[in-house]
């Protein structure tokens, strides 16, 4: 790895890992929120066995380190099964399972926070369980869960930086290469300042999107 003599070359090199960072985020987000919906609804089930299965999954991935989970999927999982995931898939699975477990609690809390009167009114109208969930509970729960899901998305984006530890060439990985090749203090300040603000710029659309969705979902809703 050559030493960069022009500090203006640092940012383009770091941004060479942008695609990997964004892809890891998108894969992890799709998996996480798919898991969140399923696990969150399972934890509100009246069937004990369904709640227990969901609870074991959620507490397992909430109670263990995301970094350790990445190591597990990258290096242990292939030894236990005939399936060998790529490093990208291993990182994406860890991100999806970990943040999906946290987001499932947001989903569960939002569903349970819908007033019982709403559910009883739906029952009195002879709605099936599916109809009650689709037309009465979820529309109200989604509005409640938006702030939590937005925060979870930002945390997931920041969590993608950990894929560097399983040698996935994201922005953090490339910044560490620069750090190792450019030991001057001024260079390292430059490198990590660029990295810091790049993650901030990536998070801004998520922040604004969450606020916009919250405002849109709250239209016509009484705050009394």
C-alpha atoms as a PDB file:
ATOM      1  CA  UNK A   1       0.000   0.000   0.000  1.00  0.00           C
ATOM      2  CA  UNK A   2       1.593   3.263  -1.121  1.00  0.00           C
ATOM      3  CA  UNK A   3       1.753   6.341   1.074  1.00  0.00           C
ATOM      4  CA  UNK A   4      -0.501   9.094  -0.222  1.00  0.00           C
ATOM      5  CA  UNK A   5       1.454  12.310  -0.585  1.00  0.00           C
ATOM      6  CA  UNK A   6      -1.622  14.411  -1.322  1.00  0.00           C
ATOM      7  CA  UNK A   7      -4.184  14.364   1.486  1.00  0.00           C
ATOM      8  CA  UNK A   8      -6.831  15.210  -1.106  1.00  0.00           C
ATOM      9  CA  UNK A   9      -6.510  11.604  -2.271  1.00  0.00           C
ATOM     10  CA  UNK A  10      -7.793  10.249   1.041  1.00  0.00           C
ATOM     11  CA  UNK A  11     -11.482  10.930   0.472  1.00  0.00           C
ATOM     12  CA  UNK A  12     -11.726   9.292  -2.985  1.00  0.00           C
ATOM     13  CA  UNK A  13      -9.975   6.198  -1.632  1.00  0.00           C
ATOM     14  CA  UNK A  14     -12.352   5.976   1.344  1.00  0.00           C
ATOM     15  CA  UNK A  15     -15.358   6.470  -0.937  1.00  0.00           C
ATOM     16  CA  UNK A  16     -14.185   3.435  -2.879  1.00  0.00           C
ATOM     17  CA  UNK A  17     -15.851   1.436  -0.097  1.00  0.00           C
ATOM     18  CA  UNK A  18     -19.117   3.390  -0.265  1.00  0.00           C
ATOM     19  CA  UNK A  19     -20.841   0.822  -2.471  1.00  0.00           C
ATOM     20  CA  UNK A  20     -20.074  -1.972  -0.013  1.00  0.00           C
ATOM     21  CA  UNK A  21     -21.313   0.129   2.922  1.00  0.00           C
ATOM     22  CA  UNK A  22     -24.582   1.017   1.186  1.00  0.00           C
ATOM     23  CA  UNK A  23     -25.161  -2.546  -0.022  1.00  0.00           C
ATOM     24  CA  UNK A  24     -24.563  -3.930   3.476  1.00  0.00           C
ATOM     25  CA  UNK A  25     -27.006  -1.375   4.888  1.00  0.00           C
ATOM     26  CA  UNK A  26     -29.736  -2.134   2.335  1.00  0.00           C
ATOM     27  CA  UNK A  27     -29.388  -5.896   2.697  1.00  0.00           C
ATOM     28  CA  UNK A  28     -29.360  -5.639   6.484  1.00  0.00           C
ATOM     29  CA  UNK A  29     -32.347  -3.262   6.514  1.00  0.00           C
ATOM     30  CA  UNK A  30     -34.538  -5.461   4.307  1.00  0.00           C
ATOM     31  CA  UNK A  31     -33.725  -8.519   6.399  1.00  0.00           C
ATOM     32  CA  UNK A  32     -34.014  -6.657   9.718  1.00  0.00           C
ATOM     33  CA  UNK A  33     -37.471  -5.212   9.093  1.00  0.00           C
ATOM     34  CA  UNK A  34     -38.787  -8.439   7.634  1.00  0.00           C
ATOM     35  CA  UNK A  35     -37.662 -10.173  10.826  1.00  0.00           C
ATOM     36  CA  UNK A  36     -38.978  -7.306  12.980  1.00  0.00           C
ATOM     37  CA  UNK A  37     -42.506  -7.582  11.621  1.00  0.00           C
ATOM     38  CA  UNK A  38     -42.642 -11.375  11.922  1.00  0.00           C
ATOM     39  CA  UNK A  39     -40.969 -11.624  15.346  1.00  0.00           C
ATOM     40  CA  UNK A  40     -42.831  -8.593  16.708  1.00  0.00           C
ATOM     41  CA  UNK A  41     -46.223 -10.011  15.741  1.00  0.00           C
ATOM     42  CA  UNK A  42     -45.243 -13.467  16.992  1.00  0.00           C
ATOM     43  CA  UNK A  43     -44.542 -11.973  20.414  1.00  0.00           C
ATOM     44  CA  UNK A  44     -48.101 -10.660  20.571  1.00  0.00           C
ATOM     45  CA  UNK A  45     -49.574 -14.077  19.739  1.00  0.00           C
ATOM     46  CA  UNK A  46     -51.916 -15.806  22.168  1.00  0.00           C
ATOM     47  CA  UNK A  47     -50.111 -19.095  21.521  1.00  0.00           C
ATOM     48  CA  UNK A  48     -47.396 -19.619  24.143  1.00  0.00           C
ATOM     49  CA  UNK A  49     -45.178 -21.725  21.869  1.00  0.00           C
ATOM     50  CA  UNK A  50     -45.140 -18.962  19.230  1.00  0.00           C
ATOM     51  CA  UNK A  51     -44.242 -16.328  21.819  1.00  0.00           C
ATOM     52  CA  UNK A  52     -41.503 -18.517  23.286  1.00  0.00           C
ATOM     53  CA  UNK A  53     -39.855 -19.190  19.911  1.00  0.00           C
ATOM     54  CA  UNK A  54     -39.895 -15.487  19.060  1.00  0.00           C
ATOM     55  CA  UNK A  55     -38.610 -14.511  22.505  1.00  0.00           C
ATOM     56  CA  UNK A  56     -35.679 -16.937  22.317  1.00  0.00           C
ATOM     57  CA  UNK A  57     -34.683 -15.538  18.927  1.00  0.00           C
ATOM     58  CA  UNK A  58     -34.994 -11.910  20.007  1.00  0.00           C
ATOM     59  CA  UNK A  59     -33.138 -12.299  23.288  1.00  0.00           C
ATOM     60  CA  UNK A  60     -30.377 -14.365  21.673  1.00  0.00           C
ATOM     61  CA  UNK A  61     -29.534 -11.690  19.126  1.00  0.00           C
ATOM     62  CA  UNK A  62     -30.147  -8.757  21.478  1.00  0.00           C
ATOM     63  CA  UNK A  63     -28.071 -10.348  24.199  1.00  0.00           C
ATOM     64  CA  UNK A  64     -24.951 -11.077  22.155  1.00  0.00           C
ATOM     65  CA  UNK A  65     -22.448  -8.794  20.458  1.00  0.00           C
ATOM     66  CA  UNK A  66     -23.035  -7.807  16.833  1.00  0.00           C
ATOM     67  CA  UNK A  67     -19.321  -8.208  16.178  1.00  0.00           C
ATOM     68  CA  UNK A  68     -19.300 -11.727  17.625  1.00  0.00           C
ATOM     69  CA  UNK A  69     -22.339 -12.556  15.498  1.00  0.00           C
ATOM     70  CA  UNK A  70     -20.421 -11.452  12.409  1.00  0.00           C
ATOM     71  CA  UNK A  71     -17.510 -13.690  13.370  1.00  0.00           C
ATOM     72  CA  UNK A  72     -19.967 -16.553  13.919  1.00  0.00           C
ATOM     73  CA  UNK A  73     -21.585 -16.260  10.488  1.00  0.00           C
ATOM     74  CA  UNK A  74     -18.254 -15.695   8.746  1.00  0.00           C
ATOM     75  CA  UNK A  75     -16.109 -18.364  10.412  1.00  0.00           C
ATOM     76  CA  UNK A  76     -18.224 -20.748  12.541  1.00  0.00           C
ATOM     77  CA  UNK A  77     -21.404 -21.157  10.508  1.00  0.00           C
ATOM     78  CA  UNK A  78     -19.522 -22.612   7.480  1.00  0.00           C
ATOM     79  CA  UNK A  79     -17.969 -25.260   9.748  1.00  0.00           C
ATOM     80  CA  UNK A  80     -21.366 -26.318  11.099  1.00  0.00           C
ATOM     81  CA  UNK A  81     -23.242 -26.498   7.796  1.00  0.00           C
ATOM     82  CA  UNK A  82     -22.486 -27.420   4.186  1.00  0.00           C
ATOM     83  CA  UNK A  83     -23.362 -23.851   3.230  1.00  0.00           C
ATOM     84  CA  UNK A  84     -20.502 -21.346   3.093  1.00  0.00           C
ATOM     85  CA  UNK A  85     -21.745 -17.732   2.983  1.00  0.00           C
ATOM     86  CA  UNK A  86     -19.679 -14.997   1.403  1.00  0.00           C
ATOM     87  CA  UNK A  87     -18.227 -12.382   3.749  1.00  0.00           C
ATOM     88  CA  UNK A  88     -20.858  -9.940   2.497  1.00  0.00           C
ATOM     89  CA  UNK A  89     -23.674 -12.372   3.254  1.00  0.00           C
ATOM     90  CA  UNK A  90     -22.200 -13.159   6.683  1.00  0.00           C
ATOM     91  CA  UNK A  91     -22.066  -9.471   7.564  1.00  0.00           C
ATOM     92  CA  UNK A  92     -25.558  -8.868   6.189  1.00  0.00           C
ATOM     93  CA  UNK A  93     -27.037 -11.766   8.159  1.00  0.00           C
ATOM     94  CA  UNK A  94     -25.503 -10.507  11.391  1.00  0.00           C
ATOM     95  CA  UNK A  95     -26.779  -6.969  10.760  1.00  0.00           C
ATOM     96  CA  UNK A  96     -30.249  -8.177   9.801  1.00  0.00           C
ATOM     97  CA  UNK A  97     -30.671 -10.570  12.716  1.00  0.00           C
ATOM     98  CA  UNK A  98     -29.257  -8.194  15.306  1.00  0.00           C
ATOM     99  CA  UNK A  99     -31.147  -5.063  14.333  1.00  0.00           C
ATOM    100  CA  UNK A 100     -34.219  -7.103  13.423  1.00  0.00           C
ATOM    101  CA  UNK A 101     -34.308  -8.374  17.000  1.00  0.00           C
ATOM    102  CA  UNK A 102     -34.185  -4.822  18.363  1.00  0.00           C
ATOM    103  CA  UNK A 103     -36.756  -3.535  15.858  1.00  0.00           C
ATOM    104  CA  UNK A 104     -39.122  -6.392  16.703  1.00  0.00           C
ATOM    105  CA  UNK A 105     -39.531  -4.849  20.157  1.00  0.00           C
ATOM    106  CA  UNK A 106     -40.534  -1.576  18.503  1.00  0.00           C
ATOM    107  CA  UNK A 107     -43.145  -3.435  16.452  1.00  0.00           C
ATOM    108  CA  UNK A 108     -44.412  -5.376  19.475  1.00  0.00           C
ATOM    109  CA  UNK A 109     -44.668  -2.259  21.623  1.00  0.00           C
ATOM    110  CA  UNK A 110     -46.503  -0.342  18.894  1.00  0.00           C
ATOM    111  CA  UNK A 111     -49.038  -3.125  18.352  1.00  0.00           C
ATOM    112  CA  UNK A 112     -49.699  -3.493  22.077  1.00  0.00           C
ATOM    113  CA  UNK A 113     -50.098   0.275  22.495  1.00  0.00           C
ATOM    114  CA  UNK A 114     -53.178   0.384  20.263  1.00  0.00           C
ATOM    115  CA  UNK A 115     -56.110   0.951  22.667  1.00  0.00           C
ATOM    116  CA  UNK A 116     -58.149  -2.127  23.529  1.00  0.00           C
ATOM    117  CA  UNK A 117     -61.286  -0.198  22.664  1.00  0.00           C
ATOM    118  CA  UNK A 118     -60.171  -0.093  19.037  1.00  0.00           C
ATOM    119  CA  UNK A 119     -59.743  -3.860  18.973  1.00  0.00           C
ATOM    120  CA  UNK A 120     -63.074  -4.462  20.703  1.00  0.00           C
ATOM    121  CA  UNK A 121     -64.824  -2.167  18.224  1.00  0.00           C
ATOM    122  CA  UNK A 122     -63.333  -4.161  15.351  1.00  0.00           C
ATOM    123  CA  UNK A 123     -64.519  -7.405  16.939  1.00  0.00           C
ATOM    124  CA  UNK A 124     -68.023  -5.962  17.315  1.00  0.00           C
ATOM    125  CA  UNK A 125     -67.994  -5.285  13.571  1.00  0.00           C
ATOM    126  CA  UNK A 126     -67.334  -8.992  13.046  1.00  0.00           C
ATOM    127  CA  UNK A 127     -63.853  -8.447  11.601  1.00  0.00           C
ATOM    128  CA  UNK A 128     -61.548 -11.450  11.364  1.00  0.00           C
ATOM    129  CA  UNK A 129     -58.121 -11.407  13.058  1.00  0.00           C
ATOM    130  CA  UNK A 130     -56.465 -10.616   9.738  1.00  0.00           C
ATOM    131  CA  UNK A 131     -58.901  -7.777   9.032  1.00  0.00           C
ATOM    132  CA  UNK A 132     -58.431  -6.327  12.516  1.00  0.00           C
ATOM    133  CA  UNK A 133     -54.684  -6.382  12.108  1.00  0.00           C
ATOM    134  CA  UNK A 134     -54.745  -4.937   8.598  1.00  0.00           C
ATOM    135  CA  UNK A 135     -57.402  -2.237   8.909  1.00  0.00           C
ATOM    136  CA  UNK A 136     -57.386  -1.268  12.587  1.00  0.00           C
ATOM    137  CA  UNK A 137     -54.217  -2.222  14.449  1.00  0.00           C
ATOM    138  CA  UNK A 138     -51.365  -1.865  11.931  1.00  0.00           C
ATOM    139  CA  UNK A 139     -52.375   1.588  10.572  1.00  0.00           C
ATOM    140  CA  UNK A 140     -52.203   2.968  14.108  1.00  0.00           C
ATOM    141  CA  UNK A 141     -49.163   0.926  15.124  1.00  0.00           C
ATOM    142  CA  UNK A 142     -47.113   2.050  12.117  1.00  0.00           C
ATOM    143  CA  UNK A 143     -47.492   5.692  13.142  1.00  0.00           C
ATOM    144  CA  UNK A 144     -46.315   4.831  16.645  1.00  0.00           C
ATOM    145  CA  UNK A 145     -43.332   2.754  15.531  1.00  0.00           C
ATOM    146  CA  UNK A 146     -41.919   5.209  12.960  1.00  0.00           C
ATOM    147  CA  UNK A 147     -39.582   7.111  15.371  1.00  0.00           C
ATOM    148  CA  UNK A 148     -38.161   3.853  16.738  1.00  0.00           C
ATOM    149  CA  UNK A 149     -37.708   2.349  13.277  1.00  0.00           C
ATOM    150  CA  UNK A 150     -36.001   5.539  12.113  1.00  0.00           C
ATOM    151  CA  UNK A 151     -33.531   5.439  14.999  1.00  0.00           C
ATOM    152  CA  UNK A 152     -32.952   1.746  14.379  1.00  0.00           C
ATOM    153  CA  UNK A 153     -32.140   2.463  10.721  1.00  0.00           C
ATOM    154  CA  UNK A 154     -29.520   5.031  11.670  1.00  0.00           C
ATOM    155  CA  UNK A 155     -27.991   2.601  14.174  1.00  0.00           C
ATOM    156  CA  UNK A 156     -27.929  -0.076  11.463  1.00  0.00           C
ATOM    157  CA  UNK A 157     -26.086   2.261   9.098  1.00  0.00           C
ATOM    158  CA  UNK A 158     -23.453   2.943  11.752  1.00  0.00           C
ATOM    159  CA  UNK A 159     -23.284  -0.779  12.522  1.00  0.00           C
ATOM    160  CA  UNK A 160     -22.152  -1.511   8.977  1.00  0.00           C
ATOM    161  CA  UNK A 161     -18.723  -0.181   9.947  1.00  0.00           C
ATOM    162  CA  UNK A 162     -18.167  -3.430  11.877  1.00  0.00           C
ATOM    163  CA  UNK A 163     -18.029  -5.489   8.665  1.00  0.00           C
ATOM    164  CA  UNK A 164     -14.472  -4.180   8.455  1.00  0.00           C
ATOM    165  CA  UNK A 165     -13.509  -6.728  11.133  1.00  0.00           C
ATOM    166  CA  UNK A 166     -14.400  -9.642   8.832  1.00  0.00           C
ATOM    167  CA  UNK A 167     -12.294  -8.062   6.057  1.00  0.00           C
ATOM    168  CA  UNK A 168     -15.173  -6.697   4.003  1.00  0.00           C
ATOM    169  CA  UNK A 169     -13.834  -3.699   2.089  1.00  0.00           C
ATOM    170  CA  UNK A 170     -16.234  -0.999   3.254  1.00  0.00           C
ATOM    171  CA  UNK A 171     -15.309   2.620   3.990  1.00  0.00           C
ATOM    172  CA  UNK A 172     -13.957   1.859   7.470  1.00  0.00           C
ATOM    173  CA  UNK A 173     -11.783  -0.942   6.073  1.00  0.00           C
ATOM    174  CA  UNK A 174     -10.306   1.385   3.468  1.00  0.00           C
ATOM    175  CA  UNK A 175      -9.790   4.137   6.041  1.00  0.00           C
ATOM    176  CA  UNK A 176      -7.833   1.680   8.196  1.00  0.00           C
ATOM    177  CA  UNK A 177      -5.636   0.816   5.209  1.00  0.00           C
ATOM    178  CA  UNK A 178      -4.866   4.504   4.836  1.00  0.00           C
ATOM    179  CA  UNK A 179      -4.126   4.811   8.552  1.00  0.00           C
ATOM    180  CA  UNK A 180      -1.623   1.976   8.387  1.00  0.00           C
ATOM    181  CA  UNK A 181       0.141   3.479   5.372  1.00  0.00           C
ATOM    182  CA  UNK A 182       0.116   7.087   6.564  1.00  0.00           C
ATOM    183  CA  UNK A 183       1.297   7.286  10.161  1.00  0.00           C
ATOM    184  CA  UNK A 184       1.632  11.078  10.413  1.00  0.00           C
ATOM    185  CA  UNK A 185      -0.811  12.544  12.940  1.00  0.00           C
ATOM    186  CA  UNK A 186      -2.063  15.138  10.462  1.00  0.00           C
ATOM    187  CA  UNK A 187      -2.857  12.402   7.945  1.00  0.00           C
ATOM    188  CA  UNK A 188      -4.781  10.332  10.485  1.00  0.00           C
ATOM    189  CA  UNK A 189      -6.802  13.377  11.545  1.00  0.00           C
ATOM    190  CA  UNK A 190      -7.645  13.948   7.887  1.00  0.00           C
ATOM    191  CA  UNK A 191      -8.592  10.301   7.284  1.00  0.00           C
ATOM    192  CA  UNK A 192     -10.941   9.879  10.220  1.00  0.00           C
ATOM    193  CA  UNK A 193     -12.484  13.331   9.821  1.00  0.00           C
ATOM    194  CA  UNK A 194     -13.451  12.381   6.283  1.00  0.00           C
ATOM    195  CA  UNK A 195     -14.807   9.049   7.487  1.00  0.00           C
ATOM    196  CA  UNK A 196     -16.786  10.666  10.311  1.00  0.00           C
ATOM    197  CA  UNK A 197     -18.513  13.197   8.081  1.00  0.00           C
ATOM    198  CA  UNK A 198     -19.143  10.652   5.329  1.00  0.00           C
ATOM    199  CA  UNK A 199     -21.200   8.527   7.728  1.00  0.00           C
ATOM    200  CA  UNK A 200     -22.995  11.673   8.900  1.00  0.00           C
ATOM    201  CA  UNK A 201     -23.901  12.635   5.324  1.00  0.00           C
ATOM    202  CA  UNK A 202     -25.172   9.108   4.702  1.00  0.00           C
ATOM    203  CA  UNK A 203     -27.353   9.294   7.818  1.00  0.00           C
ATOM    204  CA  UNK A 204     -28.940  12.645   6.901  1.00  0.00           C
ATOM    205  CA  UNK A 205     -31.403  11.229   4.328  1.00  0.00           C
ATOM    206  CA  UNK A 206     -32.585   8.706   6.918  1.00  0.00           C
ATOM    207  CA  UNK A 207     -33.134  11.466   9.463  1.00  0.00           C
ATOM    208  CA  UNK A 208     -35.124  13.632   7.048  1.00  0.00           C
ATOM    209  CA  UNK A 209     -37.077  10.655   5.675  1.00  0.00           C
ATOM    210  CA  UNK A 210     -38.099   9.601   9.179  1.00  0.00           C
ATOM    211  CA  UNK A 211     -39.285  13.101  10.045  1.00  0.00           C
ATOM    212  CA  UNK A 212     -41.248  13.353   6.791  1.00  0.00           C
ATOM    213  CA  UNK A 213     -42.911   9.986   7.350  1.00  0.00           C
ATOM    214  CA  UNK A 214     -43.819  10.935  10.919  1.00  0.00           C
ATOM    215  CA  UNK A 215     -45.459  14.166   9.756  1.00  0.00           C
ATOM    216  CA  UNK A 216     -47.287  12.389   6.951  1.00  0.00           C
ATOM    217  CA  UNK A 217     -48.519   9.618   9.251  1.00  0.00           C
ATOM    218  CA  UNK A 218     -49.750  12.121  11.850  1.00  0.00           C
ATOM    219  CA  UNK A 219     -51.947  14.067   9.408  1.00  0.00           C
ATOM    220  CA  UNK A 220     -55.573  13.940  10.462  1.00  0.00           C
ATOM    221  CA  UNK A 221     -54.698  12.318  13.798  1.00  0.00           C
ATOM    222  CA  UNK A 222     -55.964  14.080  16.899  1.00  0.00           C
ATOM    223  CA  UNK A 223     -53.327  14.894  19.521  1.00  0.00           C
ATOM    224  CA  UNK A 224     -55.913  15.569  22.208  1.00  0.00           C
END
